[in-house]
C-alpha atoms as a PDB file:
ATOM      1  CA  MET A   1     -80.952 -70.498  25.486  1.00  0.00           C
ATOM      2  CA  ASP A   2     -79.477 -72.324  28.509  1.00  0.00           C
ATOM      3  CA  ASN A   3     -78.109 -75.845  27.989  1.00  0.00           C
ATOM      4  CA  LEU A   4     -77.567 -75.417  24.255  1.00  0.00           C
ATOM      5  CA  ASP A   5     -75.727 -78.345  22.751  1.00  0.00           C
ATOM      6  CA  ILE A   6     -73.493 -77.266  19.810  1.00  0.00           C
ATOM      7  CA  ARG A   7     -71.264 -79.696  17.926  1.00  0.00           C
ATOM      8  CA  THR A   8     -68.923 -78.564  15.148  1.00  0.00           C
ATOM      9  CA  VAL A   9     -68.044 -80.824  12.347  1.00  0.00           C
ATOM     10  CA  THR A  10     -65.573 -79.369   9.740  1.00  0.00           C
ATOM     11  CA  GLY A  11     -65.190 -80.946   6.405  1.00  0.00           C
ATOM     12  CA  GLY A  12     -65.955 -80.737   2.665  1.00  0.00           C
ATOM     13  CA  PRO A  13     -63.579 -79.450   0.034  1.00  0.00           C
ATOM     14  CA  LEU A  14     -63.442 -75.960   1.552  1.00  0.00           C
ATOM     15  CA  GLU A  15     -63.489 -76.908   5.214  1.00  0.00           C
ATOM     16  CA  VAL A  16     -66.898 -75.792   6.102  1.00  0.00           C
ATOM     17  CA  ASN A  17     -68.152 -75.754   9.746  1.00  0.00           C
ATOM     18  CA  THR A  18     -71.368 -77.777   9.971  1.00  0.00           C
ATOM     19  CA  TYR A  19     -73.091 -77.197  13.276  1.00  0.00           C
ATOM     20  CA  VAL A  20     -75.317 -79.919  14.884  1.00  0.00           C
ATOM     21  CA  VAL A  21     -77.457 -77.875  17.337  1.00  0.00           C
ATOM     22  CA  GLY A  22     -80.023 -79.052  19.816  1.00  0.00           C
ATOM     23  CA  PRO A  23     -81.179 -78.724  23.389  1.00  0.00           C
ATOM     24  CA  GLY A  24     -78.928 -80.507  25.767  1.00  0.00           C
ATOM     25  CA  GLY A  25     -80.213 -84.031  26.476  1.00  0.00           C
ATOM     26  CA  GLY A  26     -82.913 -83.752  23.752  1.00  0.00           C
ATOM     27  CA  GLN A  27     -83.829 -86.252  21.198  1.00  0.00           C
ATOM     28  CA  GLU A  28     -83.985 -83.792  18.225  1.00  0.00           C
ATOM     29  CA  CYS A  29     -81.509 -81.401  16.649  1.00  0.00           C
ATOM     30  CA  LEU A  30     -80.987 -79.327  13.543  1.00  0.00           C
ATOM     31  CA  LEU A  31     -78.122 -78.764  11.074  1.00  0.00           C
ATOM     32  CA  ILE A  32     -76.671 -75.479   9.987  1.00  0.00           C
ATOM     33  CA  ASP A  33     -74.811 -75.587   6.748  1.00  0.00           C
ATOM     34  CA  PRO A  34     -74.280 -79.332   6.150  1.00  0.00           C
ATOM     35  CA  GLY A  35     -71.177 -79.071   4.016  1.00  0.00           C
ATOM     36  CA  ALA A  36     -69.241 -81.629   6.003  1.00  0.00           C
ATOM     37  CA  GLU A  37     -69.311 -85.339   5.074  1.00  0.00           C
ATOM     38  CA  PHE A  38     -72.553 -87.178   5.947  1.00  0.00           C
ATOM     39  CA  ALA A  39     -70.764 -89.902   8.016  1.00  0.00           C
ATOM     40  CA  SER A  40     -68.939 -87.304  10.218  1.00  0.00           C
ATOM     41  CA  VAL A  41     -72.094 -85.263  10.800  1.00  0.00           C
ATOM     42  CA  GLU A  42     -74.053 -88.424  11.543  1.00  0.00           C
ATOM     43  CA  GLY A  43     -71.619 -89.219  14.287  1.00  0.00           C
ATOM     44  CA  ALA A  44     -72.268 -85.860  15.857  1.00  0.00           C
ATOM     45  CA  VAL A  45     -76.028 -86.283  15.508  1.00  0.00           C
ATOM     46  CA  CYS A  46     -75.607 -89.292  17.689  1.00  0.00           C
ATOM     47  CA  GLY A  47     -78.969 -90.969  16.920  1.00  0.00           C
ATOM     48  CA  ARG A  48     -81.058 -87.899  17.292  1.00  0.00           C
ATOM     49  CA  THR A  49     -83.737 -86.826  14.815  1.00  0.00           C
ATOM     50  CA  VAL A  50     -82.617 -84.013  12.499  1.00  0.00           C
ATOM     51  CA  LYS A  51     -85.661 -81.864  12.110  1.00  0.00           C
ATOM     52  CA  ALA A  52     -84.304 -79.165   9.929  1.00  0.00           C
ATOM     53  CA  VAL A  53     -81.400 -78.072   7.616  1.00  0.00           C
ATOM     54  CA  LEU A  54     -80.795 -74.336   7.961  1.00  0.00           C
ATOM     55  CA  LEU A  55     -78.587 -72.646   5.350  1.00  0.00           C
ATOM     56  CA  THR A  56     -76.800 -69.439   6.050  1.00  0.00           C
ATOM     57  CA  HIS A  57     -76.557 -68.999   2.287  1.00  0.00           C
ATOM     58  CA  ALA A  58     -76.755 -71.146  -0.780  1.00  0.00           C
ATOM     59  CA  HIS A  59     -73.124 -71.747  -1.852  1.00  0.00           C
ATOM     60  CA  PHE A  60     -72.354 -75.265  -2.606  1.00  0.00           C
ATOM     61  CA  ASP A  61     -69.798 -75.784   0.134  1.00  0.00           C
ATOM     62  CA  HIS A  62     -72.442 -75.054   2.740  1.00  0.00           C
ATOM     63  CA  MET A  63     -75.061 -77.466   1.365  1.00  0.00           C
ATOM     64  CA  LEU A  64     -72.913 -80.176  -0.254  1.00  0.00           C
ATOM     65  CA  TYR A  65     -74.283 -82.945   1.970  1.00  0.00           C
ATOM     66  CA  ALA A  66     -77.701 -81.612   2.606  1.00  0.00           C
ATOM     67  CA  ARG A  67     -79.548 -84.045   0.318  1.00  0.00           C
ATOM     68  CA  PRO A  68     -79.271 -87.203   2.582  1.00  0.00           C
ATOM     69  CA  TRP A  69     -80.776 -85.293   5.555  1.00  0.00           C
ATOM     70  CA  LEU A  70     -83.533 -83.886   3.517  1.00  0.00           C
ATOM     71  CA  GLU A  71     -84.321 -87.474   2.221  1.00  0.00           C
ATOM     72  CA  ARG A  72     -84.537 -88.500   5.875  1.00  0.00           C
ATOM     73  CA  GLY A  73     -87.319 -85.935   6.415  1.00  0.00           C
ATOM     74  CA  ALA A  74     -85.488 -82.726   7.495  1.00  0.00           C
ATOM     75  CA  LYS A  75     -87.097 -79.490   6.353  1.00  0.00           C
ATOM     76  CA  LEU A  76     -84.955 -77.129   4.286  1.00  0.00           C
ATOM     77  CA  TYR A  77     -84.692 -73.421   5.261  1.00  0.00           C
ATOM     78  CA  VAL A  78     -83.110 -70.622   3.120  1.00  0.00           C
ATOM     79  CA  HIS A  79     -83.573 -66.922   2.643  1.00  0.00           C
ATOM     80  CA  GLU A  80     -85.897 -66.224  -0.227  1.00  0.00           C
ATOM     81  CA  LEU A  81     -83.240 -64.168  -2.130  1.00  0.00           C
ATOM     82  CA  ASP A  82     -80.914 -67.223  -2.146  1.00  0.00           C
ATOM     83  CA  ALA A  83     -83.635 -69.686  -3.131  1.00  0.00           C
ATOM     84  CA  PRO A  84     -82.715 -69.539  -6.847  1.00  0.00           C
ATOM     85  CA  ALA A  85     -79.234 -70.756  -6.072  1.00  0.00           C
ATOM     86  CA  LEU A  86     -80.518 -74.109  -4.800  1.00  0.00           C
ATOM     87  CA  SER A  87     -81.168 -75.174  -8.355  1.00  0.00           C
ATOM     88  CA  ASP A  88     -78.598 -73.019 -10.228  1.00  0.00           C
ATOM     89  CA  PRO A  89     -75.069 -74.437 -10.312  1.00  0.00           C
ATOM     90  CA  GLU A  90     -73.808 -71.054 -11.569  1.00  0.00           C
ATOM     91  CA  LEU A  91     -75.255 -69.134  -8.570  1.00  0.00           C
ATOM     92  CA  ASN A  92     -74.119 -71.730  -5.967  1.00  0.00           C
ATOM     93  CA  VAL A  93     -70.668 -71.892  -7.501  1.00  0.00           C
ATOM     94  CA  SER A  94     -70.471 -75.735  -7.563  1.00  0.00           C
ATOM     95  CA  GLY A  95     -68.529 -75.535 -10.764  1.00  0.00           C
ATOM     96  CA  VAL A  96     -65.493 -74.742  -8.602  1.00  0.00           C
ATOM     97  CA  ILE A  97     -65.355 -78.523  -7.807  1.00  0.00           C
ATOM     98  CA  GLY A  98     -66.437 -79.622 -11.289  1.00  0.00           C
ATOM     99  CA  ALA A  99     -69.903 -80.382 -10.175  1.00  0.00           C
ATOM    100  CA  LYS A 100     -73.470 -79.129 -10.856  1.00  0.00           C
ATOM    101  CA  LEU A 101     -75.038 -79.313  -7.422  1.00  0.00           C
ATOM    102  CA  THR A 102     -78.754 -78.852  -7.084  1.00  0.00           C
ATOM    103  CA  LEU A 103     -81.146 -79.196  -4.180  1.00  0.00           C
ATOM    104  CA  PRO A 104     -84.937 -79.405  -4.028  1.00  0.00           C
ATOM    105  CA  GLN A 105     -86.965 -76.298  -3.376  1.00  0.00           C
ATOM    106  CA  ALA A 106     -86.827 -75.116   0.226  1.00  0.00           C
ATOM    107  CA  ASP A 107     -89.568 -75.975   2.585  1.00  0.00           C
ATOM    108  CA  VAL A 108     -89.439 -72.526   4.187  1.00  0.00           C
ATOM    109  CA  LEU A 109     -88.247 -69.329   2.617  1.00  0.00           C
ATOM    110  CA  LEU A 110     -86.906 -66.947   5.261  1.00  0.00           C
ATOM    111  CA  ARG A 111     -87.057 -63.174   5.601  1.00  0.00           C
ATOM    112  CA  GLU A 112     -85.650 -60.729   8.094  1.00  0.00           C
ATOM    113  CA  GLY A 113     -87.106 -61.049  11.517  1.00  0.00           C
ATOM    114  CA  ASP A 114     -88.451 -64.521  11.044  1.00  0.00           C
ATOM    115  CA  VAL A 115     -88.097 -67.089  13.943  1.00  0.00           C
ATOM    116  CA  VAL A 116     -87.103 -70.638  13.215  1.00  0.00           C
ATOM    117  CA  ARG A 117     -88.814 -73.013  15.712  1.00  0.00           C
ATOM    118  CA  GLU A 118     -87.405 -76.507  15.307  1.00  0.00           C
ATOM    119  CA  ALA A 119     -86.066 -79.195  17.621  1.00  0.00           C
ATOM    120  CA  GLY A 120     -87.170 -77.356  20.681  1.00  0.00           C
ATOM    121  CA  LEU A 121     -85.145 -74.234  19.714  1.00  0.00           C
ATOM    122  CA  GLU A 122     -85.874 -70.776  18.648  1.00  0.00           C
ATOM    123  CA  LEU A 123     -83.535 -68.974  16.336  1.00  0.00           C
ATOM    124  CA  ASN A 124     -84.002 -65.422  15.104  1.00  0.00           C
ATOM    125  CA  VAL A 125     -83.153 -64.706  11.482  1.00  0.00           C
ATOM    126  CA  LEU A 126     -80.911 -61.815  10.648  1.00  0.00           C
ATOM    127  CA  HIS A 127     -80.762 -60.911   7.018  1.00  0.00           C
ATOM    128  CA  THR A 128     -76.921 -60.102   6.414  1.00  0.00           C
ATOM    129  CA  PRO A 129     -76.358 -59.731   2.710  1.00  0.00           C
ATOM    130  CA  GLY A 130     -73.030 -59.013   1.207  1.00  0.00           C
ATOM    131  CA  HIS A 131     -71.491 -62.480   0.547  1.00  0.00           C
ATOM    132  CA  THR A 132     -74.689 -63.500  -1.152  1.00  0.00           C
ATOM    133  CA  PRO A 133     -78.063 -61.533  -1.586  1.00  0.00           C
ATOM    134  CA  GLY A 134     -79.821 -63.898   0.838  1.00  0.00           C
ATOM    135  CA  GLY A 135     -77.182 -64.449   3.479  1.00  0.00           C
ATOM    136  CA  VAL A 136     -78.471 -64.795   7.019  1.00  0.00           C
ATOM    137  CA  CYS A 137     -77.246 -65.328  10.532  1.00  0.00           C
ATOM    138  CA  TYR A 138     -79.216 -67.308  13.109  1.00  0.00           C
ATOM    139  CA  GLN A 139     -79.162 -65.978  16.732  1.00  0.00           C
ATOM    140  CA  THR A 140     -80.332 -67.582  19.955  1.00  0.00           C
ATOM    141  CA  GLY A 141     -79.490 -65.837  23.070  1.00  0.00           C
ATOM    142  CA  ASN A 142     -75.768 -64.898  23.004  1.00  0.00           C
ATOM    143  CA  VAL A 143     -74.939 -67.362  20.229  1.00  0.00           C
ATOM    144  CA  LEU A 144     -74.781 -66.270  16.651  1.00  0.00           C
ATOM    145  CA  PHE A 145     -74.278 -68.585  13.669  1.00  0.00           C
ATOM    146  CA  SER A 146     -72.687 -66.090  11.304  1.00  0.00           C
ATOM    147  CA  GLY A 147     -72.091 -68.124   8.178  1.00  0.00           C
ATOM    148  CA  ASP A 148     -69.784 -66.365   5.743  1.00  0.00           C
ATOM    149  CA  THR A 149     -70.658 -62.886   6.963  1.00  0.00           C
ATOM    150  CA  MET A 150     -68.341 -62.607   9.880  1.00  0.00           C
ATOM    151  CA  PHE A 151     -65.309 -64.719  10.551  1.00  0.00           C
ATOM    152  CA  TYR A 152     -62.573 -64.666  13.192  1.00  0.00           C
ATOM    153  CA  GLY A 153     -60.812 -61.355  12.275  1.00  0.00           C
ATOM    154  CA  SER A 154     -62.262 -61.283   8.762  1.00  0.00           C
ATOM    155  CA  TYR A 155     -65.417 -61.554   6.665  1.00  0.00           C
ATOM    156  CA  GLY A 156     -66.734 -63.331   3.618  1.00  0.00           C
ATOM    157  CA  ARG A 157     -65.814 -62.675   0.043  1.00  0.00           C
ATOM    158  CA  VAL A 158     -67.831 -60.189  -1.973  1.00  0.00           C
ATOM    159  CA  ASP A 159     -66.414 -60.993  -5.385  1.00  0.00           C
ATOM    160  CA  LEU A 160     -68.714 -64.066  -6.101  1.00  0.00           C
ATOM    161  CA  PRO A 161     -72.059 -63.930  -7.905  1.00  0.00           C
ATOM    162  CA  GLY A 162     -74.394 -61.737  -5.920  1.00  0.00           C
ATOM    163  CA  GLY A 163     -71.664 -60.356  -3.625  1.00  0.00           C
ATOM    164  CA  ASN A 164     -71.835 -56.718  -2.716  1.00  0.00           C
ATOM    165  CA  ASN A 165     -69.133 -54.738  -0.694  1.00  0.00           C
ATOM    166  CA  MET A 166     -71.514 -52.072   0.480  1.00  0.00           C
ATOM    167  CA  GLN A 167     -74.123 -54.598   1.815  1.00  0.00           C
ATOM    168  CA  MET A 168     -71.277 -56.514   3.584  1.00  0.00           C
ATOM    169  CA  ALA A 169     -70.094 -53.349   5.312  1.00  0.00           C
ATOM    170  CA  MET A 170     -73.678 -52.749   6.557  1.00  0.00           C
ATOM    171  CA  SER A 171     -74.178 -56.296   7.634  1.00  0.00           C
ATOM    172  CA  LEU A 172     -70.943 -56.187   9.686  1.00  0.00           C
ATOM    173  CA  LYS A 173     -71.903 -53.001  11.264  1.00  0.00           C
ATOM    174  CA  ARG A 174     -75.104 -54.624  12.330  1.00  0.00           C
ATOM    175  CA  LEU A 175     -73.371 -57.720  13.843  1.00  0.00           C
ATOM    176  CA  LEU A 176     -70.795 -55.607  15.551  1.00  0.00           C
ATOM    177  CA  ALA A 177     -73.720 -53.784  17.412  1.00  0.00           C
ATOM    178  CA  LEU A 178     -74.902 -57.013  18.987  1.00  0.00           C
ATOM    179  CA  PRO A 179     -74.093 -57.562  22.694  1.00  0.00           C
ATOM    180  CA  LYS A 180     -70.379 -57.771  23.186  1.00  0.00           C
ATOM    181  CA  GLU A 181     -70.619 -61.177  24.857  1.00  0.00           C
ATOM    182  CA  THR A 182     -72.166 -62.709  21.718  1.00  0.00           C
ATOM    183  CA  VAL A 183     -70.236 -65.809  20.517  1.00  0.00           C
ATOM    184  CA  ALA A 184     -70.093 -66.089  16.729  1.00  0.00           C
ATOM    185  CA  TYR A 185     -69.796 -69.505  15.088  1.00  0.00           C
ATOM    186  CA  PRO A 186     -68.653 -68.802  11.585  1.00  0.00           C
ATOM    187  CA  GLY A 187     -68.994 -70.811   8.380  1.00  0.00           C
ATOM    188  CA  HIS A 188     -65.163 -71.318   8.280  1.00  0.00           C
ATOM    189  CA  GLY A 189     -62.460 -71.141  10.827  1.00  0.00           C
ATOM    190  CA  MET A 190     -62.636 -70.724  14.586  1.00  0.00           C
ATOM    191  CA  LYS A 191     -65.379 -69.096  16.652  1.00  0.00           C
ATOM    192  CA  THR A 192     -65.013 -65.571  17.921  1.00  0.00           C
ATOM    193  CA  LYS A 193     -66.757 -62.920  20.057  1.00  0.00           C
ATOM    194  CA  VAL A 194     -68.402 -59.716  19.054  1.00  0.00           C
ATOM    195  CA  ALA A 195     -66.281 -57.933  21.654  1.00  0.00           C
ATOM    196  CA  TRP A 196     -63.016 -59.062  20.013  1.00  0.00           C
ATOM    197  CA  GLU A 197     -64.333 -58.286  16.417  1.00  0.00           C
ATOM    198  CA  ARG A 198     -65.235 -54.667  17.493  1.00  0.00           C
ATOM    199  CA  GLY A 199     -61.551 -54.142  18.361  1.00  0.00           C
ATOM    200  CA  GLN A 200     -60.549 -55.294  14.779  1.00  0.00           C
ATOM    201  CA  TYR A 201     -62.679 -52.729  13.101  1.00  0.00           C
ATOM    202  CA  ALA A 202     -62.152 -49.825  15.426  1.00  0.00           C
END
């Protein structure tokens, strides 16, 4: 959509990109992957109402600071195949930091083709398994929030619980078929463009 306000806050133990997304000038926004520290994200929210927390997948580093936003009334969205990891520290890999992270049940379980309508936005859900069974990307116009599926010049690990190399290859193929001007905002690192990524895999 035109006039999309995207603010990136990077933080947490694994330097996750948390995205604060809303219509320009609006009073509402949503969060994608709140793995950055609450205070930093709160600064980027800038007094707006956070209507929803959208997870690209349910690994601990992408949802480490979700709970305070949920307690303030934000709805939690996750793909149905990653829902079990919300309450299972083994699946969400939080033992890596010596923790046992759990979240409440999601308010909305997503599937391929769903449309998230929150904060005046519409985001299409693309199921992109490979890093996790329920990994998704969120697309609006020529903007793609690609989570840990596609990075700048790379892609997400497939050696963690639920990872699958074949599924990752198929998910990347799907993303590379998107319009070349699509800008991808990944879960870690700098943003990229589909046109550039096509050149890396040619």
